[in-house]
C-alpha atoms as a PDB file:
ATOM      1  CA  MET A   1      33.753   1.274  -6.657  1.00  0.00           C
ATOM      2  CA  ILE A   2      36.492  -1.383  -6.743  1.00  0.00           C
ATOM      3  CA  THR A   3      39.923  -0.337  -7.947  1.00  0.00           C
ATOM      4  CA  THR A   4      42.965  -2.317  -9.094  1.00  0.00           C
ATOM      5  CA  LYS A   5      46.330  -1.265 -10.471  1.00  0.00           C
ATOM      6  CA  ARG A   6      44.845  -0.607 -13.920  1.00  0.00           C
ATOM      7  CA  LEU A   7      41.074  -0.726 -13.530  1.00  0.00           C
ATOM      8  CA  PHE A   8      37.971   0.908 -12.099  1.00  0.00           C
ATOM      9  CA  ILE A   9      35.083  -1.506 -11.430  1.00  0.00           C
ATOM     10  CA  SER A  10      31.660   0.039 -10.855  1.00  0.00           C
ATOM     11  CA  GLN A  11      27.931  -0.670 -11.090  1.00  0.00           C
ATOM     12  CA  ILE A  12      26.446  -0.668 -14.581  1.00  0.00           C
ATOM     13  CA  THR A  13      24.106   2.268 -15.235  1.00  0.00           C
ATOM     14  CA  SER A  14      21.941   3.568 -18.066  1.00  0.00           C
ATOM     15  CA  ASN A  15      24.978   5.583 -19.185  1.00  0.00           C
ATOM     16  CA  ASP A  16      26.646   2.336 -20.288  1.00  0.00           C
ATOM     17  CA  VAL A  17      24.286   1.532 -23.155  1.00  0.00           C
ATOM     18  CA  GLU A  18      26.987   1.822 -25.821  1.00  0.00           C
ATOM     19  CA  LEU A  19      29.324  -0.566 -23.992  1.00  0.00           C
ATOM     20  CA  ILE A  20      26.623  -3.196 -23.454  1.00  0.00           C
ATOM     21  CA  TYR A  21      25.442  -2.863 -27.056  1.00  0.00           C
ATOM     22  CA  ASN A  22      28.998  -3.310 -28.379  1.00  0.00           C
ATOM     23  CA  ILE A  23      29.673  -6.354 -26.204  1.00  0.00           C
ATOM     24  CA  PHE A  24      26.473  -8.268 -26.895  1.00  0.00           C
ATOM     25  CA  THR A  25      26.413  -7.627 -30.641  1.00  0.00           C
ATOM     26  CA  ASP A  26      29.988  -8.839 -31.038  1.00  0.00           C
ATOM     27  CA  PRO A  27      30.074 -12.108 -33.070  1.00  0.00           C
ATOM     28  CA  VAL A  28      32.608 -13.721 -30.717  1.00  0.00           C
ATOM     29  CA  CYS A  29      30.456 -12.897 -27.689  1.00  0.00           C
ATOM     30  CA  ILE A  30      27.347 -14.290 -29.417  1.00  0.00           C
ATOM     31  CA  ARG A  31      29.246 -17.458 -30.306  1.00  0.00           C
ATOM     32  CA  PHE A  32      30.486 -18.209 -26.802  1.00  0.00           C
ATOM     33  CA  ILE A  33      27.873 -16.576 -24.538  1.00  0.00           C
ATOM     34  CA  GLY A  34      24.772 -16.707 -26.695  1.00  0.00           C
ATOM     35  CA  ASP A  35      22.464 -14.287 -28.449  1.00  0.00           C
ATOM     36  CA  ARG A  36      20.846 -12.003 -25.866  1.00  0.00           C
ATOM     37  CA  GLY A  37      18.483 -10.485 -28.429  1.00  0.00           C
ATOM     38  CA  ILE A  38      20.148  -7.080 -28.346  1.00  0.00           C
ATOM     39  CA  ARG A  39      19.694  -5.424 -31.745  1.00  0.00           C
ATOM     40  CA  THR A  40      19.423  -1.730 -30.872  1.00  0.00           C
ATOM     41  CA  PRO A  41      20.693   0.657 -28.165  1.00  0.00           C
ATOM     42  CA  SER A  42      17.142   0.602 -26.781  1.00  0.00           C
ATOM     43  CA  ASP A  43      17.433  -3.186 -26.345  1.00  0.00           C
ATOM     44  CA  ALA A  44      20.711  -2.648 -24.491  1.00  0.00           C
ATOM     45  CA  GLU A  45      19.119  -0.087 -22.176  1.00  0.00           C
ATOM     46  CA  HIS A  46      16.294  -2.499 -21.319  1.00  0.00           C
ATOM     47  CA  TYR A  47      18.813  -5.302 -20.745  1.00  0.00           C
ATOM     48  CA  ILE A  48      20.779  -3.141 -18.312  1.00  0.00           C
ATOM     49  CA  LYS A  49      17.708  -2.525 -16.185  1.00  0.00           C
ATOM     50  CA  GLU A  50      16.314  -6.047 -16.268  1.00  0.00           C
ATOM     51  CA  LYS A  51      19.484  -8.147 -16.087  1.00  0.00           C
ATOM     52  CA  PHE A  52      21.923  -5.954 -14.190  1.00  0.00           C
ATOM     53  CA  GLN A  53      20.208  -3.290 -12.100  1.00  0.00           C
ATOM     54  CA  ASP A  54      17.247  -5.430 -10.996  1.00  0.00           C
ATOM     55  CA  HIS A  55      19.599  -8.324 -10.250  1.00  0.00           C
ATOM     56  CA  TYR A  56      21.770  -6.092  -8.056  1.00  0.00           C
ATOM     57  CA  ARG A  57      18.702  -4.783  -6.238  1.00  0.00           C
ATOM     58  CA  ASN A  58      17.454  -8.318  -5.541  1.00  0.00           C
ATOM     59  CA  ASN A  59      20.759  -9.987  -4.673  1.00  0.00           C
ATOM     60  CA  GLY A  60      23.218  -7.307  -3.593  1.00  0.00           C
ATOM     61  CA  PHE A  61      25.632  -8.286  -6.372  1.00  0.00           C
ATOM     62  CA  ALA A  62      25.578  -8.411 -10.160  1.00  0.00           C
ATOM     63  CA  MET A  63      27.704  -7.765 -13.225  1.00  0.00           C
ATOM     64  CA  TYR A  64      29.940  -4.696 -12.996  1.00  0.00           C
ATOM     65  CA  LYS A  65      31.382  -2.341 -15.579  1.00  0.00           C
ATOM     66  CA  VAL A  66      35.148  -2.643 -16.018  1.00  0.00           C
ATOM     67  CA  SER A  67      36.934   0.558 -17.067  1.00  0.00           C
ATOM     68  CA  LEU A  68      40.500   1.683 -17.529  1.00  0.00           C
ATOM     69  CA  LYS A  69      41.759   4.429 -15.241  1.00  0.00           C
ATOM     70  CA  ASN A  70      41.033   6.890 -18.091  1.00  0.00           C
ATOM     71  CA  SER A  71      37.322   5.937 -17.736  1.00  0.00           C
ATOM     72  CA  ILE A  72      37.122   3.998 -21.022  1.00  0.00           C
ATOM     73  CA  GLY A  73      34.740   1.048 -20.542  1.00  0.00           C
ATOM     74  CA  ILE A  74      36.345  -2.178 -21.737  1.00  0.00           C
ATOM     75  CA  GLY A  75      34.068  -4.950 -20.477  1.00  0.00           C
ATOM     76  CA  ILE A  76      31.824  -6.386 -17.796  1.00  0.00           C
ATOM     77  CA  CYS A  77      32.525  -8.885 -15.041  1.00  0.00           C
ATOM     78  CA  GLY A  78      30.667 -10.028 -11.929  1.00  0.00           C
ATOM     79  CA  LEU A  79      28.470 -12.568 -10.199  1.00  0.00           C
ATOM     80  CA  ILE A  80      24.952 -13.581 -11.160  1.00  0.00           C
ATOM     81  CA  ARG A  81      22.480 -15.977  -9.578  1.00  0.00           C
ATOM     82  CA  ARG A  82      20.643 -18.109 -12.144  1.00  0.00           C
ATOM     83  CA  GLN A  83      18.191 -19.645  -9.660  1.00  0.00           C
ATOM     84  CA  GLU A  84      17.107 -18.389  -6.266  1.00  0.00           C
ATOM     85  CA  ASN A  85      18.818 -21.021  -4.123  1.00  0.00           C
ATOM     86  CA  SER A  86      21.721 -21.886  -6.418  1.00  0.00           C
ATOM     87  CA  PRO A  87      25.341 -20.748  -5.961  1.00  0.00           C
ATOM     88  CA  PRO A  88      26.242 -17.582  -7.874  1.00  0.00           C
ATOM     89  CA  ASP A  89      28.371 -17.863 -10.976  1.00  0.00           C
ATOM     90  CA  LEU A  90      31.093 -15.649 -12.352  1.00  0.00           C
ATOM     91  CA  GLY A  91      30.587 -14.132 -15.785  1.00  0.00           C
ATOM     92  CA  PHE A  92      32.678 -11.817 -17.932  1.00  0.00           C
ATOM     93  CA  ALA A  93      32.782 -10.344 -21.420  1.00  0.00           C
ATOM     94  CA  PHE A  94      35.161  -7.784 -22.921  1.00  0.00           C
ATOM     95  CA  VAL A  95      35.204  -5.741 -26.096  1.00  0.00           C
ATOM     96  CA  THR A  96      37.445  -7.164 -28.822  1.00  0.00           C
ATOM     97  CA  GLU A  97      40.480  -4.885 -28.463  1.00  0.00           C
ATOM     98  CA  TYR A  98      40.780  -5.563 -24.738  1.00  0.00           C
ATOM     99  CA  ARG A  99      40.661  -9.344 -24.813  1.00  0.00           C
ATOM    100  CA  GLY A 100      44.073 -10.446 -23.657  1.00  0.00           C
ATOM    101  CA  GLY A 101      46.424  -8.335 -21.611  1.00  0.00           C
ATOM    102  CA  GLY A 102      45.210  -9.845 -18.350  1.00  0.00           C
ATOM    103  CA  TYR A 103      42.300  -7.420 -17.885  1.00  0.00           C
ATOM    104  CA  CYS A 104      39.711 -10.150 -17.352  1.00  0.00           C
ATOM    105  CA  THR A 105      41.841 -11.993 -14.791  1.00  0.00           C
ATOM    106  CA  GLU A 106      42.592  -8.734 -12.959  1.00  0.00           C
ATOM    107  CA  ALA A 107      38.921  -7.747 -12.815  1.00  0.00           C
ATOM    108  CA  GLY A 108      37.743 -11.249 -11.891  1.00  0.00           C
ATOM    109  CA  SER A 109      40.225 -11.542  -9.035  1.00  0.00           C
ATOM    110  CA  ALA A 110      39.245  -8.143  -7.609  1.00  0.00           C
ATOM    111  CA  ILE A 111      35.518  -8.887  -7.812  1.00  0.00           C
ATOM    112  CA  LEU A 112      35.865 -12.323  -6.236  1.00  0.00           C
ATOM    113  CA  ASN A 113      37.875 -10.872  -3.355  1.00  0.00           C
ATOM    114  CA  TYR A 114      35.342  -8.082  -2.896  1.00  0.00           C
ATOM    115  CA  GLU A 115      32.221 -10.253  -2.992  1.00  0.00           C
ATOM    116  CA  GLN A 116      33.669 -13.057  -0.881  1.00  0.00           C
ATOM    117  CA  GLY A 117      34.725 -10.497   1.705  1.00  0.00           C
ATOM    118  CA  LYS A 118      31.082  -9.408   2.038  1.00  0.00           C
ATOM    119  CA  ARG A 119      29.345 -12.785   1.908  1.00  0.00           C
ATOM    120  CA  SER A 120      29.915 -16.396   2.908  1.00  0.00           C
ATOM    121  CA  PHE A 121      29.581 -18.169  -0.430  1.00  0.00           C
ATOM    122  CA  THR A 122      30.622 -21.786   0.020  1.00  0.00           C
ATOM    123  CA  SER A 123      30.819 -22.238  -3.744  1.00  0.00           C
ATOM    124  CA  ILE A 124      30.959 -20.083  -6.869  1.00  0.00           C
ATOM    125  CA  LEU A 125      30.366 -21.557 -10.309  1.00  0.00           C
ATOM    126  CA  ALA A 126      31.309 -20.510 -13.832  1.00  0.00           C
ATOM    127  CA  TYR A 127      29.997 -21.697 -17.194  1.00  0.00           C
ATOM    128  CA  THR A 128      31.780 -21.542 -20.522  1.00  0.00           C
ATOM    129  CA  SER A 129      31.780 -23.121 -23.959  1.00  0.00           C
ATOM    130  CA  PRO A 130      33.982 -26.214 -24.365  1.00  0.00           C
ATOM    131  CA  GLU A 131      35.653 -24.339 -27.248  1.00  0.00           C
ATOM    132  CA  ASN A 132      36.357 -21.137 -25.320  1.00  0.00           C
ATOM    133  CA  ILE A 133      40.011 -21.768 -24.483  1.00  0.00           C
ATOM    134  CA  ALA A 134      40.661 -18.186 -23.352  1.00  0.00           C
ATOM    135  CA  SER A 135      37.801 -18.300 -20.846  1.00  0.00           C
ATOM    136  CA  LYS A 136      38.987 -21.631 -19.478  1.00  0.00           C
ATOM    137  CA  ARG A 137      42.461 -20.193 -19.035  1.00  0.00           C
ATOM    138  CA  VAL A 138      41.141 -17.212 -17.067  1.00  0.00           C
ATOM    139  CA  LEU A 139      39.036 -19.435 -14.802  1.00  0.00           C
ATOM    140  CA  GLY A 140      42.064 -21.630 -14.092  1.00  0.00           C
ATOM    141  CA  LYS A 141      44.115 -18.591 -13.080  1.00  0.00           C
ATOM    142  CA  LEU A 142      41.323 -17.534 -10.723  1.00  0.00           C
ATOM    143  CA  GLY A 143      41.350 -20.910  -8.972  1.00  0.00           C
ATOM    144  CA  PHE A 144      38.304 -22.530 -10.588  1.00  0.00           C
ATOM    145  CA  VAL A 145      38.337 -26.285 -11.217  1.00  0.00           C
ATOM    146  CA  GLU A 146      36.552 -27.956 -14.119  1.00  0.00           C
ATOM    147  CA  LYS A 147      33.697 -30.167 -12.890  1.00  0.00           C
ATOM    148  CA  GLN A 148      31.571 -31.436 -15.770  1.00  0.00           C
ATOM    149  CA  THR A 149      30.049 -30.714 -19.157  1.00  0.00           C
ATOM    150  CA  THR A 150      26.292 -30.328 -19.363  1.00  0.00           C
ATOM    151  CA  ARG A 151      23.519 -28.685 -21.348  1.00  0.00           C
ATOM    152  CA  LEU A 152      21.724 -25.960 -19.424  1.00  0.00           C
ATOM    153  CA  GLU A 153      17.974 -25.507 -19.534  1.00  0.00           C
ATOM    154  CA  GLY A 154      16.937 -23.513 -22.586  1.00  0.00           C
ATOM    155  CA  GLN A 155      20.259 -23.992 -24.383  1.00  0.00           C
ATOM    156  CA  ASN A 156      20.967 -26.088 -27.446  1.00  0.00           C
ATOM    157  CA  PHE A 157      24.718 -26.236 -26.837  1.00  0.00           C
ATOM    158  CA  ASP A 158      27.026 -27.699 -24.200  1.00  0.00           C
ATOM    159  CA  SER A 159      28.549 -25.750 -21.321  1.00  0.00           C
ATOM    160  CA  VAL A 160      31.499 -26.668 -19.138  1.00  0.00           C
ATOM    161  CA  ILE A 161      30.857 -26.075 -15.422  1.00  0.00           C
ATOM    162  CA  PHE A 162      33.752 -24.794 -13.287  1.00  0.00           C
ATOM    163  CA  GLU A 163      33.647 -24.415  -9.511  1.00  0.00           C
ATOM    164  CA  LEU A 164      35.527 -22.306  -6.996  1.00  0.00           C
ATOM    165  CA  LYS A 165      35.311 -23.630  -3.463  1.00  0.00           C
ATOM    166  CA  LYS A 166      35.476 -20.942  -0.849  1.00  0.00           C
ATOM    167  CA  VAL A 167      36.992 -21.186   2.582  1.00  0.00           C
ATOM    168  CA  ILE A 168      34.617 -19.076   4.649  1.00  0.00           C
ATOM    169  CA  LYS A 169      36.322 -15.856   5.665  1.00  0.00           C
ATOM    170  CA  MET A 170      36.856 -15.664   9.398  1.00  0.00           C
ATOM    171  CA  ARG A 171      36.529 -12.135  10.746  1.00  0.00           C
ATOM    172  CA  THR A 172      37.831 -11.142  14.154  1.00  0.00           C
ATOM    173  CA  GLY A 173      36.843  -8.324  16.445  1.00  0.00           C
ATOM    174  CA  GLY A 174      36.510  -7.200  20.002  1.00  0.00           C
ATOM    175  CA  CYS A 175      36.280  -4.310  22.422  1.00  0.00           C
ATOM    176  CA  LEU A 176      38.604  -1.333  22.761  1.00  0.00           C
ATOM    177  CA  CYS A 177      40.599  -2.741  25.679  1.00  0.00           C
ATOM    178  CA  ARG A 178      40.770  -6.200  24.007  1.00  0.00           C
ATOM    179  CA  GLN A 179      39.384  -8.051  27.017  1.00  0.00           C
ATOM    180  CA  ILE A 180      36.558  -9.199  24.739  1.00  0.00           C
ATOM    181  CA  LYS A 181      37.606 -10.935  21.532  1.00  0.00           C
ATOM    182  CA  TYR A 182      35.390 -12.764  19.067  1.00  0.00           C
ATOM    183  CA  GLU A 183      35.315 -14.512  15.709  1.00  0.00           C
ATOM    184  CA  PHE A 184      32.569 -14.046  13.144  1.00  0.00           C
ATOM    185  CA  SER A 185      32.366 -16.564  10.300  1.00  0.00           C
ATOM    186  CA  GLY A 186      29.090 -15.687   8.634  1.00  0.00           C
ATOM    187  CA  GLU A 187      27.399 -13.288   6.262  1.00  0.00           C
ATOM    188  CA  PRO A 188      25.060 -10.512   7.417  1.00  0.00           C
ATOM    189  CA  LEU A 189      21.487 -10.790   6.240  1.00  0.00           C
ATOM    190  CA  VAL A 190      21.395  -7.009   6.087  1.00  0.00           C
ATOM    191  CA  VAL A 191      23.419  -4.072   7.431  1.00  0.00           C
ATOM    192  CA  HIS A 192      21.491  -1.261   9.117  1.00  0.00           C
ATOM    193  CA  ALA A 193      22.673   2.293   9.636  1.00  0.00           C
ATOM    194  CA  CYS A 194      20.283   3.244  12.428  1.00  0.00           C
ATOM    195  CA  HIS A 195      19.838   6.922  13.315  1.00  0.00           C
ATOM    196  CA  CYS A 196      17.433   6.406  16.232  1.00  0.00           C
ATOM    197  CA  ARG A 197      18.265   8.181  19.477  1.00  0.00           C
ATOM    198  CA  GLN A 198      18.943   4.885  21.224  1.00  0.00           C
ATOM    199  CA  CYS A 199      21.612   3.872  18.679  1.00  0.00           C
ATOM    200  CA  GLN A 200      23.111   7.353  18.873  1.00  0.00           C
ATOM    201  CA  LYS A 201      23.511   6.974  22.613  1.00  0.00           C
ATOM    202  CA  ILE A 202      24.825   3.389  22.487  1.00  0.00           C
ATOM    203  CA  SER A 203      27.366   4.215  19.782  1.00  0.00           C
ATOM    204  CA  SER A 204      28.132   7.731  21.087  1.00  0.00           C
ATOM    205  CA  SER A 205      27.928   8.811  17.461  1.00  0.00           C
ATOM    206  CA  ALA A 206      25.506  10.106  14.833  1.00  0.00           C
ATOM    207  CA  TYR A 207      24.243   6.589  14.132  1.00  0.00           C
ATOM    208  CA  GLY A 208      25.033   2.925  14.733  1.00  0.00           C
ATOM    209  CA  VAL A 209      25.967   0.432  12.023  1.00  0.00           C
ATOM    210  CA  ASN A 210      24.457  -2.934  12.967  1.00  0.00           C
ATOM    211  CA  MET A 211      24.929  -6.213  11.116  1.00  0.00           C
ATOM    212  CA  TRP A 212      21.920  -8.543  11.392  1.00  0.00           C
ATOM    213  CA  ILE A 213      23.603 -11.953  11.731  1.00  0.00           C
ATOM    214  CA  GLU A 214      22.982 -15.537  12.769  1.00  0.00           C
ATOM    215  CA  ALA A 215      23.863 -15.971  16.443  1.00  0.00           C
ATOM    216  CA  LYS A 216      25.635 -19.268  15.754  1.00  0.00           C
ATOM    217  CA  ASP A 217      28.200 -17.470  13.556  1.00  0.00           C
ATOM    218  CA  LEU A 218      29.453 -15.307  16.435  1.00  0.00           C
ATOM    219  CA  ASN A 219      31.953 -17.033  18.724  1.00  0.00           C
ATOM    220  CA  PHE A 220      33.405 -15.202  21.731  1.00  0.00           C
ATOM    221  CA  LYS A 221      36.978 -16.312  22.485  1.00  0.00           C
ATOM    222  CA  THR A 222      37.997 -14.262  25.522  1.00  0.00           C
ATOM    223  CA  GLY A 223      36.383 -12.146  28.191  1.00  0.00           C
ATOM    224  CA  GLU A 224      32.905 -12.078  29.655  1.00  0.00           C
ATOM    225  CA  LEU A 225      30.177  -9.809  28.341  1.00  0.00           C
ATOM    226  CA  LYS A 226      27.992  -7.709  30.600  1.00  0.00           C
ATOM    227  CA  LYS A 227      24.379  -6.966  29.726  1.00  0.00           C
ATOM    228  CA  PHE A 228      21.920  -4.191  30.305  1.00  0.00           C
ATOM    229  CA  THR A 229      18.321  -4.210  29.114  1.00  0.00           C
ATOM    230  CA  THR A 230      16.411  -1.246  27.801  1.00  0.00           C
ATOM    231  CA  GLN A 231      13.217  -0.867  25.799  1.00  0.00           C
ATOM    232  CA  GLY A 232      13.524  -1.041  22.023  1.00  0.00           C
ATOM    233  CA  GLY A 233      11.541   0.982  19.531  1.00  0.00           C
ATOM    234  CA  SER A 234       9.050  -1.891  19.257  1.00  0.00           C
ATOM    235  CA  GLY A 235       8.214  -1.589  22.934  1.00  0.00           C
ATOM    236  CA  GLN A 236       9.857  -4.957  23.647  1.00  0.00           C
ATOM    237  CA  ASP A 237      13.141  -5.491  25.516  1.00  0.00           C
ATOM    238  CA  HIS A 238      16.467  -4.735  23.905  1.00  0.00           C
ATOM    239  CA  ASP A 239      19.515  -6.467  25.462  1.00  0.00           C
ATOM    240  CA  VAL A 240      22.836  -4.671  24.898  1.00  0.00           C
ATOM    241  CA  TYR A 241      26.015  -6.717  25.480  1.00  0.00           C
ATOM    242  CA  PHE A 242      29.168  -4.784  26.323  1.00  0.00           C
ATOM    243  CA  CYS A 243      32.626  -5.022  27.853  1.00  0.00           C
ATOM    244  CA  GLY A 244      32.515  -4.373  31.588  1.00  0.00           C
ATOM    245  CA  ASP A 245      35.999  -2.825  31.557  1.00  0.00           C
ATOM    246  CA  CYS A 246      36.000  -0.351  28.633  1.00  0.00           C
ATOM    247  CA  GLY A 247      32.252  -0.167  27.974  1.00  0.00           C
ATOM    248  CA  THR A 248      32.392  -1.013  24.265  1.00  0.00           C
ATOM    249  CA  ALA A 249      28.956  -2.161  23.063  1.00  0.00           C
ATOM    250  CA  ILE A 250      29.576  -5.336  21.010  1.00  0.00           C
ATOM    251  CA  CYS A 251      26.149  -6.630  20.025  1.00  0.00           C
ATOM    252  CA  SER A 252      22.452  -6.548  20.799  1.00  0.00           C
ATOM    253  CA  ARG A 253      19.508  -8.882  20.951  1.00  0.00           C
ATOM    254  CA  TYR A 254      16.132  -7.361  20.204  1.00  0.00           C
ATOM    255  CA  HIS A 255      13.336  -9.427  21.729  1.00  0.00           C
ATOM    256  CA  ALA A 256      11.101  -8.364  18.833  1.00  0.00           C
ATOM    257  CA  ALA A 257      13.427 -10.303  16.497  1.00  0.00           C
ATOM    258  CA  PRO A 258      13.548 -14.128  16.409  1.00  0.00           C
ATOM    259  CA  LYS A 259      16.052 -15.842  18.730  1.00  0.00           C
ATOM    260  CA  PRO A 260      18.529 -17.218  16.130  1.00  0.00           C
ATOM    261  CA  PHE A 261      19.704 -13.676  15.343  1.00  0.00           C
ATOM    262  CA  VAL A 262      21.784 -10.953  16.970  1.00  0.00           C
ATOM    263  CA  PHE A 263      22.938  -7.519  15.833  1.00  0.00           C
ATOM    264  CA  LEU A 264      26.712  -7.112  15.719  1.00  0.00           C
ATOM    265  CA  ARG A 265      28.156  -3.593  15.683  1.00  0.00           C
ATOM    266  CA  SER A 266      30.435  -3.406  12.671  1.00  0.00           C
ATOM    267  CA  GLY A 267      32.768  -0.926  14.343  1.00  0.00           C
ATOM    268  CA  THR A 268      33.939  -3.675  16.701  1.00  0.00           C
ATOM    269  CA  LEU A 269      35.365  -5.717  13.803  1.00  0.00           C
ATOM    270  CA  ASP A 270      39.138  -5.581  13.454  1.00  0.00           C
ATOM    271  CA  GLU A 271      38.645  -4.875   9.743  1.00  0.00           C
ATOM    272  CA  SER A 272      35.364  -3.333   8.679  1.00  0.00           C
ATOM    273  CA  SER A 273      36.262  -1.233   5.632  1.00  0.00           C
ATOM    274  CA  ASP A 274      34.205  -3.481   3.323  1.00  0.00           C
ATOM    275  CA  ILE A 275      31.046  -3.368   5.468  1.00  0.00           C
ATOM    276  CA  LYS A 276      28.574  -0.919   3.977  1.00  0.00           C
ATOM    277  CA  PRO A 277      25.010  -0.107   5.090  1.00  0.00           C
ATOM    278  CA  ASP A 278      22.220  -1.601   2.989  1.00  0.00           C
ATOM    279  CA  VAL A 279      19.712   0.884   4.402  1.00  0.00           C
ATOM    280  CA  HIS A 280      19.511   3.988   6.620  1.00  0.00           C
ATOM    281  CA  ILE A 281      16.631   3.865   9.101  1.00  0.00           C
ATOM    282  CA  PHE A 282      14.949   6.181  11.617  1.00  0.00           C
ATOM    283  CA  LEU A 283      16.083   9.284   9.783  1.00  0.00           C
ATOM    284  CA  LYS A 284      13.430  11.214  11.684  1.00  0.00           C
ATOM    285  CA  ASP A 285      16.081  11.365  14.455  1.00  0.00           C
ATOM    286  CA  ARG A 286      18.948  12.144  12.080  1.00  0.00           C
ATOM    287  CA  GLN A 287      21.526  14.623  13.327  1.00  0.00           C
ATOM    288  CA  ALA A 288      22.074  17.765  11.285  1.00  0.00           C
ATOM    289  CA  GLY A 289      25.023  17.896   8.896  1.00  0.00           C
ATOM    290  CA  ILE A 290      25.248  14.123   8.312  1.00  0.00           C
ATOM    291  CA  ASP A 291      25.623  13.283   4.613  1.00  0.00           C
ATOM    292  CA  ILE A 292      24.167   9.998   3.357  1.00  0.00           C
ATOM    293  CA  ASP A 293      24.851   8.159   0.103  1.00  0.00           C
ATOM    294  CA  VAL A 294      21.730   8.879  -1.955  1.00  0.00           C
ATOM    295  CA  THR A 295      21.964   5.477  -3.657  1.00  0.00           C
ATOM    296  CA  VAL A 296      21.284   3.690  -0.341  1.00  0.00           C
ATOM    297  CA  PRO A 297      17.586   3.281   0.659  1.00  0.00           C
ATOM    298  CA  GLN A 298      16.452   5.680   3.379  1.00  0.00           C
ATOM    299  CA  TYR A 299      13.470   5.528   5.739  1.00  0.00           C
ATOM    300  CA  ASP A 300      12.153   7.893   8.399  1.00  0.00           C
ATOM    301  CA  GLY A 301      11.277   4.845  10.498  1.00  0.00           C
ATOM    302  CA  TYR A 302      11.551   1.139   9.756  1.00  0.00           C
ATOM    303  CA  TYR A 303      10.838  -0.670   6.472  1.00  0.00           C
ATOM    304  CA  HIS A 304       9.303  -3.818   5.024  1.00  0.00           C
ATOM    305  CA  PHE A 305      11.847  -6.620   4.435  1.00  0.00           C
ATOM    306  CA  LYS A 306      10.934  -7.041   0.776  1.00  0.00           C
ATOM    307  CA  GLU A 307      11.814  -3.417   0.093  1.00  0.00           C
ATOM    308  CA  VAL A 308      15.438  -3.792   1.200  1.00  0.00           C
ATOM    309  CA  TRP A 309      16.582  -7.373   1.722  1.00  0.00           C
ATOM    310  CA  SER A 310      18.008  -9.373  -1.173  1.00  0.00           C
ATOM    311  CA  SER A 311      15.975 -12.402  -2.202  1.00  0.00           C
ATOM    312  CA  HIS A 312      18.843 -14.568  -0.966  1.00  0.00           C
ATOM    313  CA  SER A 313      18.671 -13.031   2.533  1.00  0.00           C
ATOM    314  CA  GLN A 314      14.892 -13.365   2.605  1.00  0.00           C
ATOM    315  CA  GLU A 315      15.122 -17.055   1.771  1.00  0.00           C
ATOM    316  CA  ARG A 316      17.857 -17.548   4.365  1.00  0.00           C
ATOM    317  CA  PHE A 317      15.714 -15.857   6.991  1.00  0.00           C
ATOM    318  CA  LYS A 318      12.689 -18.019   6.207  1.00  0.00           C
ATOM    319  CA  ARG A 319      14.783 -21.205   6.244  1.00  0.00           C
ATOM    320  CA  LEU A 320      16.331 -20.362   9.619  1.00  0.00           C
ATOM    321  CA  LEU A 321      12.929 -19.677  11.124  1.00  0.00           C
ATOM    322  CA  ARG A 322      11.698 -23.072   9.890  1.00  0.00           C
ATOM    323  CA  GLU A 323      14.732 -24.770  11.452  1.00  0.00           C
ATOM    324  CA  GLU A 324      14.370 -23.017  14.802  1.00  0.00           C
END
């Protein structure tokens, strides 16, 4: 959940049928966003699953419910991806009595900060009607710049395209004694919470949180890493890179994985509060008394990529392998 001074922002669930029905049957919403074919609460429930929940499962982001601190739902706001390899775009819609008052700008700013902190989007788009002055005003406040007017596929009306250029967030990290310092400028393909005995020993904890990243995005600035090699669960070598002074394990290279990738331990980031596991693996070795978020996929061993990775990460992975 994302929180702001006045708002709670959370994933849309089947409990939000009334809110979605009210938004998408509103004449103003239909005028500026289009008719989504929602005529009954049952239509709204189907729309939630197909357009919001499935989208989140496939991409790791989607539209979110926006609520006041008293839990009253007032609108939706978030990122969607129209085509598999296209930039995401920001969308929002609020019930009539909560248009104005800065709620949309407040929610949009929080969501953009949250999503851009997790991923390296180089560009985010937004589409609106040329006549939707309020929407244009919100996008301007959020830093979007008007690019062009066009007619999207399947539409019989014009849309104005706005764009927000992103400066890729540079994360820093290092070992406990600070002899090793690094910069990380990328986006994880996936974040593993691994409960295998090897990760327990390396992390000296109940499990290790490993970010599967592109090696080129990790740049060591100071210090010299030491390496020891052990055998991974696949039977192939597993290289662990650590600080020779304090012993902090920074990253790993699994020989079973392709060479352009390494696994960075999220605990070595200077700020890691926004890094969350996408999956818990090797729960057959799980320590007793460890609670796990039931909404996160869980496996006794490993998993198939298509079951966990977003379609965006899968495409990225395939493209990087082709370029290797």
